[in-house]
Structure formats: structure tokens, C-alpha cells
Amino acid sequence: MWTDFSNFVVNMLFSIISVVTIIYYLLLLNKYKNYNTKEYKKNILLLVIGLIFVIVFIIIFMNIYYKFNLFNSILNV
């Protein structure tokens, strides 16, 4: 029961974080109408780096979380 709830909370948290990040980047890109500026190119680079960082962070955190959960369930048995 508790592990199901904690899995749900973690999944919801990451869903909310990813949706907010994507909306933020879309709004940031929408601010720049002239696509040839250095500012726009810098923001595209930041967007790509940010998305890669978010994906890697989620993968690492989920790995740690589920390994800890697995370890916990082994201890309980």
C-alpha cells in the first residue's frame, strides 16, 4: 500500500516537473520572434542542454529510488 502510494507520488512529481519545464522553454522560445539573433541560438542550446540534464536526472533518480525500494522489500521479507 505505502510503496504504491510513494511510486504514484514520485511519478506525479516527475510528470509535473517535466511538463512545467517544457512549458517554460516553449514560453522562453516564443519570446524571441527574430530567429537569427545570438540570444535565440543561445536559448536553443540551453534548451537542449536543459532537456538532456532533466532526462539524465530523472533516469538516475529513478534508478536510485527503485534500487532502494528493491533493497527495502528484500529486507522486509
Protein backbone atom coordinates (compact mmCIF):
# COMPACT_ATOMS: atom_id res chain seq x y z
CA MET A 1 0.00 0.00 0.00
CA TRP A 2 2.65 2.51 1.07
CA THR A 3 5.04 1.65 -1.78
CA ASP A 4 2.21 2.02 -4.33
CA PHE A 5 1.42 5.45 -2.95
CA SER A 6 5.09 6.55 -2.91
CA ASN A 7 5.55 5.30 -6.50
CA PHE A 8 2.49 7.31 -7.51
CA VAL A 9 3.79 10.44 -5.75
CA VAL A 10 7.24 10.17 -7.37
CA ASN A 11 5.75 9.60 -10.83
CA MET A 12 3.37 12.54 -10.43
CA LEU A 13 6.23 14.74 -9.22
CA PHE A 14 8.37 13.95 -12.25
CA SER A 15 5.41 14.39 -14.61
CA ILE A 16 4.68 17.84 -13.17
CA ILE A 17 8.37 18.84 -13.29
CA SER A 18 8.74 17.76 -16.93
CA VAL A 19 5.51 19.46 -18.05
CA VAL A 20 6.46 22.72 -16.29
CA THR A 21 9.96 22.59 -17.79
CA ILE A 22 8.63 22.07 -21.32
CA ILE A 23 6.06 24.88 -20.95
CA TYR A 24 8.76 27.21 -19.58
CA TYR A 25 11.08 26.51 -22.50
CA LEU A 26 8.27 26.96 -25.03
CA LEU A 27 7.35 30.32 -23.49
CA LEU A 28 11.04 31.31 -23.47
CA LEU A 29 11.38 30.47 -27.16
CA ASN A 30 8.13 32.22 -28.01
CA LYS A 31 9.57 35.45 -26.58
CA TYR A 32 12.12 35.70 -29.40
CA LYS A 33 10.47 36.37 -32.74
CA ASN A 34 13.68 37.15 -34.64
CA TYR A 35 15.27 33.74 -35.08
CA ASN A 36 18.66 34.96 -36.30
CA THR A 37 19.77 36.58 -33.07
CA LYS A 38 22.56 35.19 -30.94
CA GLU A 39 20.17 35.25 -27.97
CA TYR A 40 17.83 32.81 -29.74
CA LYS A 41 20.67 30.43 -30.64
CA LYS A 42 21.94 30.57 -27.06
CA ASN A 43 18.45 29.70 -25.78
CA ILE A 44 18.16 26.75 -28.20
CA LEU A 45 21.47 25.47 -26.82
CA LEU A 46 20.27 25.98 -23.24
CA LEU A 47 17.01 24.18 -24.07
CA VAL A 48 18.84 21.14 -25.45
CA ILE A 49 21.28 21.04 -22.50
CA GLY A 50 18.43 21.53 -20.02
CA LEU A 51 16.29 18.77 -21.51
CA ILE A 52 19.26 16.35 -21.57
CA PHE A 53 20.02 17.25 -17.93
CA VAL A 54 16.39 16.72 -16.86
CA ILE A 55 16.19 13.34 -18.64
CA VAL A 56 19.52 12.15 -17.15
CA PHE A 57 18.50 13.35 -13.68
CA ILE A 58 15.16 11.53 -13.90
CA ILE A 59 16.86 8.30 -15.06
CA ILE A 60 19.48 8.45 -12.27
CA PHE A 61 16.94 9.34 -9.57
CA MET A 62 14.51 6.63 -10.67
CA ASN A 63 17.36 4.09 -10.67
CA ILE A 64 18.37 5.04 -7.13
CA TYR A 65 14.74 5.15 -5.97
CA TYR A 66 13.81 1.76 -7.34
CA LYS A 67 17.06 0.13 -6.18
CA PHE A 68 16.40 1.45 -2.68
CA ASN A 69 12.81 0.22 -2.88
CA LEU A 70 14.00 -3.21 -4.00
CA PHE A 71 16.52 -3.30 -1.15
CA ASN A 72 13.79 -2.30 1.31
CA SER A 73 11.42 -5.04 0.11
CA ILE A 74 14.21 -7.66 0.40
CA LEU A 75 14.87 -6.53 3.99
CA ASN A 76 11.16 -6.75 4.82
CA VAL A 77 10.95 -10.33 3.51
